[in-house]
Amino acid sequence: MLLSLLNSARLRPELLILVLMVMIISMFVIPLPTYLVDFLIALNIVLAILVFMGVVLH
C-alpha cells in the first residue's frame, strides 16, 4: 500500500504538491495544540539553519 502511494507520488508529483497545500491551508483553519505549533516552529528553524549551512559550506 505504502509503496504504491510512493510510486504514484513519483509519477505524479503535482498530487504531492496538492496534498501539501491542503495540509497547510487546513492548519490555518483547524486550531493546533500549542505543543504542535512549538514543534513545527522549531522544525522550521532547524530546516532553515540546515539550508543556510548547506549553501554557505558548499
C-alpha atoms as a PDB file:
ATOM      1  CA  MET A   1       0.000   0.000   0.000  1.00  0.00           C
ATOM      2  CA  LEU A   2       2.697   2.478   1.002  1.00  0.00           C
ATOM      3  CA  LEU A   3       4.888   1.515  -1.928  1.00  0.00           C
ATOM      4  CA  SER A   4       2.053   2.068  -4.382  1.00  0.00           C
ATOM      5  CA  LEU A   5       1.433   5.517  -2.872  1.00  0.00           C
ATOM      6  CA  LEU A   6       5.116   6.383  -3.186  1.00  0.00           C
ATOM      7  CA  ASN A   7       5.197   5.174  -6.781  1.00  0.00           C
ATOM      8  CA  SER A   8       2.142   7.229  -7.688  1.00  0.00           C
ATOM      9  CA  ALA A   9       3.686  10.268  -5.972  1.00  0.00           C
ATOM     10  CA  ARG A  10       6.826   9.795  -8.035  1.00  0.00           C
ATOM     11  CA  LEU A  11       4.844   9.516 -11.253  1.00  0.00           C
ATOM     12  CA  ARG A  12       2.566  12.479 -10.466  1.00  0.00           C
ATOM     13  CA  PRO A  13       4.370  14.999  -8.253  1.00  0.00           C
ATOM     14  CA  GLU A  14       1.538  17.517  -8.642  1.00  0.00           C
ATOM     15  CA  LEU A  15      -0.584  15.329  -6.361  1.00  0.00           C
ATOM     16  CA  LEU A  16       2.036  15.617  -3.633  1.00  0.00           C
ATOM     17  CA  ILE A  17       2.056  19.396  -4.005  1.00  0.00           C
ATOM     18  CA  LEU A  18      -1.738  19.437  -3.828  1.00  0.00           C
ATOM     19  CA  VAL A  19      -1.759  17.363  -0.633  1.00  0.00           C
ATOM     20  CA  LEU A  20       0.859  19.599   0.963  1.00  0.00           C
ATOM     21  CA  MET A  21      -1.125  22.723   0.055  1.00  0.00           C
ATOM     22  CA  VAL A  22      -4.322  21.278   1.524  1.00  0.00           C
ATOM     23  CA  MET A  23      -2.466  20.372   4.714  1.00  0.00           C
ATOM     24  CA  ILE A  24      -1.043  23.881   5.036  1.00  0.00           C
ATOM     25  CA  ILE A  25      -4.429  25.527   4.477  1.00  0.00           C
ATOM     26  CA  SER A  26      -6.083  23.169   6.965  1.00  0.00           C
ATOM     27  CA  MET A  27      -3.528  24.238   9.586  1.00  0.00           C
ATOM     28  CA  PHE A  28      -4.840  27.787   9.232  1.00  0.00           C
ATOM     29  CA  VAL A  29      -8.449  26.699   9.759  1.00  0.00           C
ATOM     30  CA  ILE A  30      -8.110  23.936  12.372  1.00  0.00           C
ATOM     31  CA  PRO A  31      -6.648  25.113  15.673  1.00  0.00           C
ATOM     32  CA  LEU A  32      -3.482  23.222  16.546  1.00  0.00           C
ATOM     33  CA  PRO A  33      -2.311  22.388  20.068  1.00  0.00           C
ATOM     34  CA  THR A  34       0.448  24.618  21.360  1.00  0.00           C
ATOM     35  CA  TYR A  35       2.996  21.793  21.598  1.00  0.00           C
ATOM     36  CA  LEU A  36       2.450  21.004  17.917  1.00  0.00           C
ATOM     37  CA  VAL A  37       2.851  24.659  16.935  1.00  0.00           C
ATOM     38  CA  ASP A  38       6.051  24.842  19.000  1.00  0.00           C
ATOM     39  CA  PHE A  39       7.359  21.684  17.342  1.00  0.00           C
ATOM     40  CA  LEU A  40       6.591  22.997  13.855  1.00  0.00           C
ATOM     41  CA  ILE A  41       8.296  26.321  14.590  1.00  0.00           C
ATOM     42  CA  ALA A  42      11.380  24.507  15.917  1.00  0.00           C
ATOM     43  CA  LEU A  43      11.392  22.246  12.854  1.00  0.00           C
ATOM     44  CA  ASN A  44      11.177  25.286  10.603  1.00  0.00           C
ATOM     45  CA  ILE A  45      14.152  26.918  12.336  1.00  0.00           C
ATOM     46  CA  VAL A  46      16.238  23.731  12.149  1.00  0.00           C
ATOM     47  CA  LEU A  47      15.495  23.252   8.453  1.00  0.00           C
ATOM     48  CA  ALA A  48      16.331  26.896   7.743  1.00  0.00           C
ATOM     49  CA  ILE A  49      19.670  26.515   9.521  1.00  0.00           C
ATOM     50  CA  LEU A  50      20.424  23.329   7.586  1.00  0.00           C
ATOM     51  CA  VAL A  51      19.645  25.021   4.273  1.00  0.00           C
ATOM     52  CA  PHE A  52      21.765  28.017   5.244  1.00  0.00           C
ATOM     53  CA  MET A  53      24.687  25.780   6.239  1.00  0.00           C
ATOM     54  CA  GLY A  54      24.341  23.819   3.024  1.00  0.00           C
ATOM     55  CA  VAL A  55      24.530  26.977   0.950  1.00  0.00           C
ATOM     56  CA  VAL A  56      27.383  28.569   2.892  1.00  0.00           C
ATOM     57  CA  LEU A  57      29.550  25.470   3.268  1.00  0.00           C
ATOM     58  CA  HIS A  58      29.031  24.109  -0.225  1.00  0.00           C
END
